[in-house]
Amino acid sequence: MRKKSEERRQAIIDIAAEIFNEIGFERASMAEISARLGGSKATLYNYFSSKEEIFLLVMRQQAGVEFDAIFAILKEVENTRSGLQQFATKYLQLVLSPEVITLKRLVAYHAERSALGCSVYENGPKRGLRGIADYLQRAMEKGDLRTSDAWLAALQFKALVEAEWMERRVLNVVEKVTTVEIEASVERAISGFFAIHGA
């Protein structure tokens, strides 16, 4: 019975992903999802409390595995500079990808109209920043970075890594960023970060 329930839940997520990709978050509705699923809205609400909850799960499913692999670098690479460089390169490649940029635009558009923005921040960027801050805190304790507020250092690190590309990519000024461009900008970001926080 539990397996059937999990399969039904996954089917809902899969159908919702198709709908979000086809017509966007705002035009999508629980009624549309249940209609395509072939059930009632009541059944849908037995699994999920809101459209926002489903969207978050869709987003996590589409990008979560890749983000988890990237954040694993911060647990595996002991050398601070090398770890940050490897992490930043993979991170930037992912957050500048068409899928993540589309999600970012969608969330920003709906942030004022629903609790979606807060939910995404709590489950995505905030968790990611906490992982970066923990890594930086360990680097400070090892003496690789000077002691400071690790949370603030994580915010500055993220800002430096994204600085050259994120705004232009979200606004579609730049449609694609090459691996060579990403690696060069990451090198500049890491150099800037160590100029501020290096021991």
N, C-alpha and C. Protein backbone atom coordinates (compact mmCIF):
# COMPACT_ATOMS: atom_id res chain seq x y z
N MET A 1 0.82 -1.21 0.00
CA MET A 1 0.00 0.00 0.00
C MET A 1 0.86 1.27 0.00
N ARG A 2 1.93 1.23 0.83
CA ARG A 2 2.80 2.40 0.91
C ARG A 2 3.49 2.66 -0.43
N LYS A 3 3.91 1.56 -1.10
CA LYS A 3 4.57 1.70 -2.40
C LYS A 3 3.63 2.36 -3.40
N LYS A 4 2.37 1.97 -3.37
CA LYS A 4 1.37 2.54 -4.26
C LYS A 4 1.20 4.03 -3.99
N SER A 5 1.19 4.37 -2.72
CA SER A 5 1.04 5.77 -2.31
C SER A 5 2.23 6.60 -2.79
N GLU A 6 3.44 6.05 -2.68
CA GLU A 6 4.65 6.75 -3.13
C GLU A 6 4.65 6.90 -4.65
N GLU A 7 4.16 5.88 -5.34
CA GLU A 7 4.08 5.96 -6.81
C GLU A 7 3.08 7.04 -7.23
N ARG A 8 1.96 7.12 -6.53
CA ARG A 8 0.95 8.14 -6.82
C ARG A 8 1.52 9.54 -6.57
N ARG A 9 2.24 9.69 -5.48
CA ARG A 9 2.86 10.97 -5.13
C ARG A 9 3.85 11.40 -6.22
N GLN A 10 4.66 10.44 -6.69
CA GLN A 10 5.63 10.74 -7.73
C GLN A 10 4.94 11.08 -9.04
N ALA A 11 3.84 10.41 -9.32
CA ALA A 11 3.07 10.70 -10.55
C ALA A 11 2.55 12.13 -10.51
N ILE A 12 2.10 12.57 -9.35
CA ILE A 12 1.62 13.95 -9.20
C ILE A 12 2.75 14.94 -9.48
N ILE A 13 3.92 14.66 -8.92
CA ILE A 13 5.08 15.54 -9.12
C ILE A 13 5.47 15.59 -10.60
N ASP A 14 5.47 14.45 -11.25
CA ASP A 14 5.84 14.38 -12.67
C ASP A 14 4.86 15.16 -13.54
N ILE A 15 3.57 15.00 -13.28
CA ILE A 15 2.55 15.71 -14.07
C ILE A 15 2.63 17.22 -13.78
N ALA A 16 2.82 17.56 -12.53
CA ALA A 16 2.94 18.98 -12.17
C ALA A 16 4.15 19.61 -12.87
N ALA A 17 5.26 18.89 -12.95
CA ALA A 17 6.46 19.40 -13.62
C ALA A 17 6.15 19.72 -15.08
N GLU A 18 5.43 18.81 -15.74
CA GLU A 18 5.04 19.05 -17.14
C GLU A 18 4.20 20.32 -17.26
N ILE A 19 3.26 20.48 -16.35
CA ILE A 19 2.35 21.64 -16.39
C ILE A 19 3.13 22.93 -16.12
N PHE A 20 3.98 22.93 -15.09
CA PHE A 20 4.76 24.14 -14.78
C PHE A 20 5.64 24.53 -15.97
N ASN A 21 6.23 23.54 -16.62
CA ASN A 21 7.09 23.82 -17.77
C ASN A 21 6.29 24.31 -18.98
N GLU A 22 5.07 23.82 -19.13
CA GLU A 22 4.23 24.21 -20.28
C GLU A 22 3.59 25.57 -20.11
N ILE A 23 2.97 25.81 -18.95
CA ILE A 23 2.16 27.04 -18.81
C ILE A 23 2.60 27.96 -17.68
N GLY A 24 3.66 27.58 -16.94
CA GLY A 24 4.16 28.42 -15.87
C GLY A 24 3.44 28.18 -14.55
N PHE A 25 4.04 28.69 -13.50
CA PHE A 25 3.52 28.48 -12.15
C PHE A 25 2.17 29.15 -11.94
N GLU A 26 2.05 30.40 -12.39
CA GLU A 26 0.84 31.17 -12.11
C GLU A 26 -0.40 30.55 -12.76
N ARG A 27 -0.29 30.13 -14.01
CA ARG A 27 -1.45 29.58 -14.73
C ARG A 27 -1.74 28.14 -14.32
N ALA A 28 -0.76 27.47 -13.77
CA ALA A 28 -0.99 26.11 -13.29
C ALA A 28 -1.91 26.14 -12.07
N SER A 29 -2.70 25.10 -11.91
CA SER A 29 -3.62 25.05 -10.76
C SER A 29 -3.73 23.62 -10.27
N MET A 30 -4.21 23.49 -9.05
CA MET A 30 -4.45 22.16 -8.49
C MET A 30 -5.51 21.43 -9.32
N ALA A 31 -6.47 22.19 -9.83
CA ALA A 31 -7.53 21.59 -10.66
C ALA A 31 -6.94 21.00 -11.94
N GLU A 32 -6.01 21.75 -12.56
CA GLU A 32 -5.36 21.27 -13.79
C GLU A 32 -4.53 20.01 -13.52
N ILE A 33 -3.81 20.02 -12.40
CA ILE A 33 -2.97 18.86 -12.04
C ILE A 33 -3.86 17.63 -11.80
N SER A 34 -4.94 17.82 -11.03
CA SER A 34 -5.82 16.68 -10.73
C SER A 34 -6.54 16.18 -11.99
N ALA A 35 -6.88 17.10 -12.90
CA ALA A 35 -7.54 16.70 -14.15
C ALA A 35 -6.62 15.83 -14.99
N ARG A 36 -5.37 16.23 -15.11
CA ARG A 36 -4.42 15.45 -15.90
C ARG A 36 -4.08 14.13 -15.22
N LEU A 37 -4.14 14.16 -13.91
CA LEU A 37 -3.83 12.96 -13.15
C LEU A 37 -4.97 11.95 -13.25
N GLY A 38 -6.16 12.48 -13.44
CA GLY A 38 -7.32 11.60 -13.52
C GLY A 38 -7.93 11.31 -12.17
N GLY A 39 -7.90 12.29 -11.30
CA GLY A 39 -8.48 12.13 -9.96
C GLY A 39 -9.14 13.41 -9.53
N SER A 40 -9.51 13.47 -8.27
CA SER A 40 -10.17 14.67 -7.75
C SER A 40 -9.16 15.57 -7.05
N LYS A 41 -9.57 16.85 -6.86
CA LYS A 41 -8.71 17.78 -6.12
C LYS A 41 -8.54 17.30 -4.69
N ALA A 42 -9.59 16.69 -4.14
CA ALA A 42 -9.52 16.19 -2.77
C ALA A 42 -8.41 15.16 -2.62
N THR A 43 -8.29 14.29 -3.60
CA THR A 43 -7.22 13.28 -3.58
C THR A 43 -5.86 13.95 -3.63
N LEU A 44 -5.75 14.97 -4.47
CA LEU A 44 -4.50 15.73 -4.60
C LEU A 44 -4.10 16.35 -3.26
N TYR A 45 -5.09 16.93 -2.58
CA TYR A 45 -4.82 17.58 -1.28
C TYR A 45 -4.50 16.56 -0.18
N ASN A 46 -4.79 15.29 -0.42
CA ASN A 46 -4.36 14.26 0.54
C ASN A 46 -2.84 14.09 0.51
N TYR A 47 -2.23 14.44 -0.63
CA TYR A 47 -0.79 14.29 -0.80
C TYR A 47 -0.03 15.60 -0.57
N PHE A 48 -0.61 16.70 -1.00
CA PHE A 48 0.08 18.00 -0.94
C PHE A 48 -0.86 19.09 -0.44
N SER A 49 -0.31 20.00 0.33
CA SER A 49 -1.16 21.05 0.91
C SER A 49 -1.40 22.22 -0.05
N SER A 50 -0.51 22.38 -1.05
CA SER A 50 -0.64 23.53 -1.94
C SER A 50 0.15 23.33 -3.23
N LYS A 51 -0.13 24.19 -4.19
CA LYS A 51 0.61 24.22 -5.44
C LYS A 51 2.07 24.58 -5.18
N GLU A 52 2.28 25.47 -4.21
CA GLU A 52 3.64 25.89 -3.85
C GLU A 52 4.48 24.69 -3.37
N GLU A 53 3.86 23.85 -2.56
CA GLU A 53 4.57 22.68 -2.04
C GLU A 53 4.98 21.76 -3.19
N ILE A 54 4.08 21.56 -4.14
CA ILE A 54 4.40 20.71 -5.30
C ILE A 54 5.52 21.33 -6.12
N PHE A 55 5.45 22.64 -6.32
CA PHE A 55 6.48 23.33 -7.10
C PHE A 55 7.86 23.17 -6.46
N LEU A 56 7.92 23.30 -5.14
CA LEU A 56 9.19 23.13 -4.44
C LEU A 56 9.76 21.73 -4.64
N LEU A 57 8.89 20.74 -4.60
CA LEU A 57 9.34 19.36 -4.81
C LEU A 57 9.79 19.14 -6.26
N VAL A 58 9.08 19.75 -7.20
CA VAL A 58 9.48 19.66 -8.61
C VAL A 58 10.87 20.28 -8.78
N MET A 59 11.05 21.45 -8.18
CA MET A 59 12.32 22.15 -8.28
C MET A 59 13.45 21.33 -7.66
N ARG A 60 13.18 20.76 -6.49
CA ARG A 60 14.19 19.95 -5.82
C ARG A 60 14.54 18.71 -6.64
N GLN A 61 13.54 18.12 -7.25
CA GLN A 61 13.77 16.93 -8.06
C GLN A 61 14.58 17.27 -9.31
N GLN A 62 14.31 18.44 -9.92
CA GLN A 62 14.99 18.81 -11.16
C GLN A 62 16.43 19.23 -10.92
N ALA A 63 16.69 19.90 -9.80
CA ALA A 63 18.06 20.41 -9.59
C ALA A 63 18.72 19.90 -8.32
N GLY A 64 17.93 19.30 -7.43
CA GLY A 64 18.44 18.92 -6.11
C GLY A 64 19.60 17.95 -6.13
N VAL A 65 19.53 16.92 -6.97
CA VAL A 65 20.59 15.91 -7.02
C VAL A 65 21.90 16.55 -7.44
N GLU A 66 21.84 17.43 -8.43
CA GLU A 66 23.05 18.10 -8.89
C GLU A 66 23.61 19.02 -7.82
N PHE A 67 22.73 19.76 -7.12
CA PHE A 67 23.19 20.62 -6.04
C PHE A 67 23.83 19.80 -4.93
N ASP A 68 23.24 18.66 -4.59
CA ASP A 68 23.80 17.80 -3.54
C ASP A 68 25.21 17.35 -3.91
N ALA A 69 25.41 16.99 -5.17
CA ALA A 69 26.73 16.54 -5.63
C ALA A 69 27.75 17.68 -5.54
N ILE A 70 27.30 18.87 -5.87
CA ILE A 70 28.20 20.03 -5.82
C ILE A 70 28.58 20.36 -4.37
N PHE A 71 27.60 20.32 -3.48
CA PHE A 71 27.89 20.65 -2.08
C PHE A 71 28.72 19.57 -1.41
N ALA A 72 28.72 18.36 -1.98
CA ALA A 72 29.57 17.29 -1.44
C ALA A 72 31.04 17.65 -1.56
N ILE A 73 31.38 18.49 -2.54
CA ILE A 73 32.78 18.94 -2.71
C ILE A 73 33.28 19.59 -1.43
N LEU A 74 32.41 20.33 -0.77
CA LEU A 74 32.81 21.04 0.45
C LEU A 74 33.08 20.09 1.61
N LYS A 75 32.63 18.86 1.48
CA LYS A 75 32.92 17.87 2.52
C LYS A 75 34.12 17.01 2.17
N GLU A 76 34.44 16.97 0.88
CA GLU A 76 35.47 16.04 0.41
C GLU A 76 36.84 16.68 0.22
N VAL A 77 36.88 17.95 -0.15
CA VAL A 77 38.17 18.59 -0.47
C VAL A 77 38.69 19.36 0.74
N GLU A 78 39.84 18.92 1.24
CA GLU A 78 40.40 19.51 2.46
C GLU A 78 41.07 20.88 2.20
N ASN A 79 41.78 20.99 1.08
CA ASN A 79 42.47 22.25 0.78
C ASN A 79 41.43 23.34 0.51
N THR A 80 41.44 24.38 1.30
CA THR A 80 40.39 25.39 1.27
C THR A 80 40.28 26.08 -0.09
N ARG A 81 41.39 26.56 -0.59
CA ARG A 81 41.34 27.28 -1.87
C ARG A 81 40.87 26.37 -3.00
N SER A 82 41.43 25.18 -3.04
CA SER A 82 41.06 24.22 -4.08
C SER A 82 39.60 23.81 -3.95
N GLY A 83 39.16 23.57 -2.73
CA GLY A 83 37.76 23.20 -2.49
C GLY A 83 36.80 24.29 -2.93
N LEU A 84 37.10 25.53 -2.58
CA LEU A 84 36.24 26.65 -2.97
C LEU A 84 36.24 26.84 -4.49
N GLN A 85 37.39 26.65 -5.10
CA GLN A 85 37.48 26.81 -6.55
C GLN A 85 36.68 25.74 -7.29
N GLN A 86 36.85 24.49 -6.87
CA GLN A 86 36.09 23.40 -7.50
C GLN A 86 34.58 23.59 -7.29
N PHE A 87 34.22 23.92 -6.05
CA PHE A 87 32.82 24.13 -5.73
C PHE A 87 32.23 25.27 -6.57
N ALA A 88 32.93 26.40 -6.59
CA ALA A 88 32.42 27.59 -7.29
C ALA A 88 32.25 27.33 -8.78
N THR A 89 33.16 26.60 -9.38
CA THR A 89 33.07 26.30 -10.82
C THR A 89 31.83 25.47 -11.12
N LYS A 90 31.65 24.38 -10.37
CA LYS A 90 30.48 23.51 -10.58
C LYS A 90 29.18 24.24 -10.24
N TYR A 91 29.21 25.01 -9.15
CA TYR A 91 28.04 25.76 -8.71
C TYR A 91 27.60 26.75 -9.79
N LEU A 92 28.55 27.50 -10.32
CA LEU A 92 28.23 28.51 -11.32
C LEU A 92 27.71 27.87 -12.61
N GLN A 93 28.28 26.76 -13.00
CA GLN A 93 27.79 26.04 -14.19
C GLN A 93 26.32 25.65 -14.01
N LEU A 94 25.97 25.22 -12.80
CA LEU A 94 24.59 24.79 -12.55
C LEU A 94 23.63 25.97 -12.45
N VAL A 95 23.99 26.99 -11.66
CA VAL A 95 23.04 28.10 -11.45
C VAL A 95 22.86 28.97 -12.69
N LEU A 96 23.77 28.86 -13.64
CA LEU A 96 23.61 29.61 -14.89
C LEU A 96 22.94 28.77 -15.98
N SER A 97 22.60 27.52 -15.66
CA SER A 97 21.97 26.64 -16.65
C SER A 97 20.55 27.12 -16.95
N PRO A 98 20.04 26.83 -18.15
CA PRO A 98 18.69 27.28 -18.52
C PRO A 98 17.61 26.87 -17.52
N GLU A 99 17.71 25.64 -16.98
CA GLU A 99 16.69 25.14 -16.05
C GLU A 99 16.64 25.96 -14.76
N VAL A 100 17.82 26.22 -14.19
CA VAL A 100 17.86 26.95 -12.93
C VAL A 100 17.51 28.43 -13.15
N ILE A 101 17.95 29.00 -14.24
CA ILE A 101 17.61 30.39 -14.55
C ILE A 101 16.11 30.54 -14.73
N THR A 102 15.47 29.58 -15.40
CA THR A 102 14.02 29.61 -15.56
C THR A 102 13.32 29.57 -14.21
N LEU A 103 13.78 28.69 -13.33
CA LEU A 103 13.20 28.61 -11.99
C LEU A 103 13.39 29.90 -11.22
N LYS A 104 14.58 30.48 -11.33
CA LYS A 104 14.88 31.73 -10.63
C LYS A 104 13.95 32.86 -11.09
N ARG A 105 13.76 32.96 -12.40
CA ARG A 105 12.85 33.99 -12.94
C ARG A 105 11.43 33.75 -12.46
N LEU A 106 11.00 32.51 -12.49
CA LEU A 106 9.65 32.14 -12.09
C LEU A 106 9.40 32.48 -10.62
N VAL A 107 10.34 32.10 -9.77
CA VAL A 107 10.20 32.36 -8.34
C VAL A 107 10.19 33.86 -8.06
N ALA A 108 11.09 34.60 -8.72
CA ALA A 108 11.14 36.06 -8.51
C ALA A 108 9.82 36.71 -8.92
N TYR A 109 9.25 36.25 -10.01
CA TYR A 109 8.00 36.81 -10.50
C TYR A 109 6.86 36.58 -9.51
N HIS A 110 6.83 35.41 -8.88
CA HIS A 110 5.73 35.05 -7.99
C HIS A 110 5.98 35.35 -6.52
N ALA A 111 7.17 35.82 -6.19
CA ALA A 111 7.53 36.02 -4.78
C ALA A 111 6.59 36.98 -4.06
N GLU A 112 6.11 38.00 -4.76
CA GLU A 112 5.23 39.00 -4.14
C GLU A 112 3.80 38.50 -4.01
N ARG A 113 3.44 37.53 -4.82
CA ARG A 113 2.05 37.07 -4.88
C ARG A 113 1.75 35.87 -3.99
N SER A 114 2.79 35.20 -3.49
CA SER A 114 2.56 34.00 -2.69
C SER A 114 3.74 33.80 -1.74
N ALA A 115 3.67 32.71 -0.99
CA ALA A 115 4.76 32.38 -0.06
C ALA A 115 5.88 31.62 -0.77
N LEU A 116 5.79 31.53 -2.09
CA LEU A 116 6.74 30.74 -2.85
C LEU A 116 8.18 31.21 -2.66
N GLY A 117 8.40 32.53 -2.72
CA GLY A 117 9.75 33.07 -2.58
C GLY A 117 10.40 32.68 -1.26
N CYS A 118 9.66 32.84 -0.17
CA CYS A 118 10.18 32.50 1.16
C CYS A 118 10.47 31.01 1.25
N SER A 119 9.57 30.20 0.71
CA SER A 119 9.75 28.74 0.76
C SER A 119 10.99 28.32 -0.02
N VAL A 120 11.15 28.90 -1.21
CA VAL A 120 12.32 28.56 -2.02
C VAL A 120 13.60 29.00 -1.31
N TYR A 121 13.60 30.20 -0.74
CA TYR A 121 14.79 30.70 -0.05
C TYR A 121 15.18 29.78 1.11
N GLU A 122 14.20 29.41 1.93
CA GLU A 122 14.47 28.56 3.09
C GLU A 122 15.00 27.20 2.68
N ASN A 123 14.44 26.63 1.61
CA ASN A 123 14.80 25.28 1.20
C ASN A 123 15.97 25.20 0.22
N GLY A 124 16.33 26.34 -0.37
CA GLY A 124 17.40 26.36 -1.36
C GLY A 124 18.58 27.22 -0.95
N PRO A 125 18.55 28.51 -1.32
CA PRO A 125 19.70 29.38 -1.04
C PRO A 125 20.15 29.41 0.42
N LYS A 126 19.21 29.46 1.34
CA LYS A 126 19.61 29.53 2.76
C LYS A 126 20.34 28.27 3.20
N ARG A 127 19.84 27.12 2.78
CA ARG A 127 20.51 25.86 3.11
C ARG A 127 21.89 25.80 2.47
N GLY A 128 21.98 26.27 1.22
CA GLY A 128 23.26 26.30 0.54
C GLY A 128 24.26 27.21 1.23
N LEU A 129 23.80 28.38 1.63
CA LEU A 129 24.67 29.32 2.33
C LEU A 129 25.16 28.75 3.65
N ARG A 130 24.28 27.99 4.33
CA ARG A 130 24.68 27.37 5.59
C ARG A 130 25.80 26.36 5.34
N GLY A 131 25.71 25.60 4.24
CA GLY A 131 26.77 24.65 3.90
C GLY A 131 28.09 25.35 3.61
N ILE A 132 28.02 26.47 2.90
CA ILE A 132 29.24 27.25 2.61
C ILE A 132 29.80 27.82 3.90
N ALA A 133 28.93 28.38 4.74
CA ALA A 133 29.37 28.98 6.01
C ALA A 133 30.06 27.94 6.89
N ASP A 134 29.52 26.73 6.95
CA ASP A 134 30.13 25.67 7.76
C ASP A 134 31.53 25.33 7.25
N TYR A 135 31.67 25.28 5.92
CA TYR A 135 32.99 25.00 5.32
C TYR A 135 33.97 26.12 5.65
N LEU A 136 33.50 27.36 5.53
CA LEU A 136 34.37 28.51 5.83
C LEU A 136 34.74 28.55 7.30
N GLN A 137 33.80 28.18 8.17
CA GLN A 137 34.08 28.13 9.61
C GLN A 137 35.20 27.13 9.91
N ARG A 138 35.13 25.96 9.27
CA ARG A 138 36.19 24.96 9.45
C ARG A 138 37.53 25.48 8.92
N ALA A 139 37.47 26.21 7.81
CA ALA A 139 38.71 26.79 7.24
C ALA A 139 39.30 27.83 8.18
N MET A 140 38.44 28.58 8.84
CA MET A 140 38.91 29.58 9.82
C MET A 140 39.57 28.88 11.02
N GLU A 141 38.95 27.80 11.46
CA GLU A 141 39.49 27.05 12.61
C GLU A 141 40.83 26.40 12.27
N LYS A 142 41.04 26.05 10.99
CA LYS A 142 42.32 25.48 10.55
C LYS A 142 43.39 26.56 10.35
N GLY A 143 42.95 27.81 10.29
CA GLY A 143 43.89 28.90 10.06
C GLY A 143 44.07 29.26 8.60
N ASP A 144 43.25 28.67 7.70
CA ASP A 144 43.34 28.97 6.28
C ASP A 144 42.71 30.32 5.94
N LEU A 145 41.73 30.73 6.75
CA LEU A 145 41.08 32.03 6.58
C LEU A 145 41.15 32.76 7.92
N ARG A 146 41.14 34.08 7.84
CA ARG A 146 41.14 34.81 9.11
C ARG A 146 39.76 34.69 9.75
N THR A 147 39.74 34.73 11.08
CA THR A 147 38.50 34.54 11.81
C THR A 147 37.56 35.72 11.61
N SER A 148 36.35 35.41 11.20
CA SER A 148 35.32 36.44 11.02
C SER A 148 33.96 35.76 11.10
N ASP A 149 32.91 36.48 10.79
CA ASP A 149 31.56 35.92 10.79
C ASP A 149 31.42 35.01 9.55
N ALA A 150 31.31 33.71 9.78
CA ALA A 150 31.29 32.75 8.66
C ALA A 150 30.06 32.94 7.78
N TRP A 151 28.93 33.31 8.36
CA TRP A 151 27.71 33.53 7.57
C TRP A 151 27.91 34.71 6.61
N LEU A 152 28.46 35.81 7.13
CA LEU A 152 28.72 36.98 6.29
C LEU A 152 29.75 36.63 5.21
N ALA A 153 30.76 35.86 5.57
CA ALA A 153 31.78 35.43 4.60
C ALA A 153 31.14 34.59 3.49
N ALA A 154 30.18 33.73 3.86
CA ALA A 154 29.48 32.90 2.86
C ALA A 154 28.67 33.78 1.91
N LEU A 155 28.00 34.79 2.44
CA LEU A 155 27.24 35.72 1.60
C LEU A 155 28.17 36.44 0.62
N GLN A 156 29.32 36.87 1.11
CA GLN A 156 30.28 37.58 0.26
C GLN A 156 30.87 36.64 -0.80
N PHE A 157 31.15 35.41 -0.40
CA PHE A 157 31.67 34.42 -1.35
C PHE A 157 30.68 34.19 -2.49
N LYS A 158 29.42 33.96 -2.14
CA LYS A 158 28.39 33.72 -3.15
C LYS A 158 28.25 34.93 -4.07
N ALA A 159 28.25 36.12 -3.48
CA ALA A 159 28.12 37.35 -4.28
C ALA A 159 29.29 37.49 -5.26
N LEU A 160 30.49 37.22 -4.80
CA LEU A 160 31.66 37.32 -5.68
C LEU A 160 31.61 36.30 -6.82
N VAL A 161 31.19 35.08 -6.50
CA VAL A 161 31.13 34.01 -7.51
C VAL A 161 30.09 34.34 -8.58
N GLU A 162 28.95 34.88 -8.17
CA GLU A 162 27.87 35.16 -9.11
C GLU A 162 27.97 36.53 -9.79
N ALA A 163 28.83 37.40 -9.27
CA ALA A 163 28.83 38.82 -9.64
C ALA A 163 28.92 39.10 -11.14
N GLU A 164 29.76 38.40 -11.85
CA GLU A 164 30.00 38.72 -13.26
C GLU A 164 28.87 38.27 -14.19
N TRP A 165 28.05 37.30 -13.72
CA TRP A 165 27.12 36.67 -14.66
C TRP A 165 25.65 36.68 -14.29
N MET A 166 25.33 36.56 -13.00
CA MET A 166 23.95 36.24 -12.62
C MET A 166 22.93 37.26 -13.12
N GLU A 167 23.14 38.53 -12.87
CA GLU A 167 22.15 39.52 -13.29
C GLU A 167 21.96 39.53 -14.80
N ARG A 168 23.07 39.49 -15.53
CA ARG A 168 22.98 39.51 -17.00
C ARG A 168 22.32 38.24 -17.54
N ARG A 169 22.54 37.13 -16.84
CA ARG A 169 21.94 35.86 -17.29
C ARG A 169 20.42 35.85 -17.01
N VAL A 170 20.02 36.29 -15.83
CA VAL A 170 18.59 36.33 -15.47
C VAL A 170 17.83 37.26 -16.40
N LEU A 171 18.44 38.39 -16.76
CA LEU A 171 17.80 39.37 -17.64
C LEU A 171 17.99 39.04 -19.12
N ASN A 172 18.62 37.91 -19.40
CA ASN A 172 18.83 37.42 -20.76
C ASN A 172 19.72 38.33 -21.61
N VAL A 173 20.55 39.11 -20.94
CA VAL A 173 21.56 39.90 -21.66
C VAL A 173 22.60 38.93 -22.22
N VAL A 174 22.86 37.89 -21.43
CA VAL A 174 23.78 36.81 -21.85
C VAL A 174 22.97 35.52 -21.88
N GLU A 175 23.01 34.80 -22.98
CA GLU A 175 22.23 33.57 -23.10
C GLU A 175 23.04 32.34 -22.72
N LYS A 176 24.35 32.41 -22.84
CA LYS A 176 25.19 31.27 -22.52
C LYS A 176 26.54 31.75 -22.03
N VAL A 177 27.07 31.03 -21.04
CA VAL A 177 28.40 31.33 -20.51
C VAL A 177 29.24 30.08 -20.70
N THR A 178 30.39 30.22 -21.33
CA THR A 178 31.22 29.05 -21.62
C THR A 178 31.98 28.59 -20.38
N THR A 179 32.46 27.37 -20.44
CA THR A 179 33.26 26.81 -19.34
C THR A 179 34.51 27.65 -19.11
N VAL A 180 35.14 28.07 -20.18
CA VAL A 180 36.36 28.90 -20.07
C VAL A 180 36.04 30.22 -19.36
N GLU A 181 34.93 30.85 -19.71
CA GLU A 181 34.52 32.11 -19.07
C GLU A 181 34.22 31.90 -17.59
N ILE A 182 33.55 30.80 -17.29
CA ILE A 182 33.22 30.49 -15.89
C ILE A 182 34.50 30.28 -15.08
N GLU A 183 35.42 29.50 -15.61
CA GLU A 183 36.67 29.22 -14.88
C GLU A 183 37.46 30.49 -14.63
N ALA A 184 37.50 31.39 -15.62
CA ALA A 184 38.24 32.65 -15.46
C ALA A 184 37.57 33.54 -14.41
N SER A 185 36.24 33.61 -14.44
CA SER A 185 35.55 34.47 -13.47
C SER A 185 35.63 33.88 -12.06
N VAL A 186 35.63 32.55 -11.95
CA VAL A 186 35.79 31.92 -10.64
C VAL A 186 37.18 32.23 -10.07
N GLU A 187 38.19 32.18 -10.91
CA GLU A 187 39.55 32.52 -10.45
C GLU A 187 39.59 33.94 -9.90
N ARG A 188 38.94 34.87 -10.59
CA ARG A 188 38.89 36.26 -10.10
C ARG A 188 38.12 36.36 -8.78
N ALA A 189 37.01 35.62 -8.70
CA ALA A 189 36.19 35.64 -7.48
C ALA A 189 36.97 35.07 -6.29
N ILE A 190 37.67 33.96 -6.51
CA ILE A 190 38.44 33.33 -5.43
C ILE A 190 39.56 34.26 -4.99
N SER A 191 40.23 34.89 -5.94
CA SER A 191 41.31 35.83 -5.60
C SER A 191 40.77 36.99 -4.77
N GLY A 192 39.61 37.50 -5.17
CA GLY A 192 38.98 38.59 -4.42
C GLY A 192 38.58 38.14 -3.03
N PHE A 193 38.04 36.93 -2.92
CA PHE A 193 37.61 36.42 -1.62
C PHE A 193 38.81 36.27 -0.68
N PHE A 194 39.91 35.71 -1.19
CA PHE A 194 41.09 35.53 -0.34
C PHE A 194 41.76 36.86 -0.02
N ALA A 195 41.60 37.87 -0.89
CA ALA A 195 42.13 39.20 -0.56
C ALA A 195 41.40 39.77 0.66
N ILE A 196 40.11 39.43 0.78
CA ILE A 196 39.32 39.91 1.92
C ILE A 196 39.51 39.01 3.14
N HIS A 197 39.46 37.70 2.94
CA HIS A 197 39.36 36.77 4.07
C HIS A 197 40.59 35.88 4.29
N GLY A 198 41.57 35.97 3.39
CA GLY A 198 42.76 35.12 3.56
C GLY A 198 43.47 35.37 4.87
N ALA A 199 44.04 34.31 5.42
CA ALA A 199 44.73 34.43 6.73
C ALA A 199 45.99 35.25 6.57
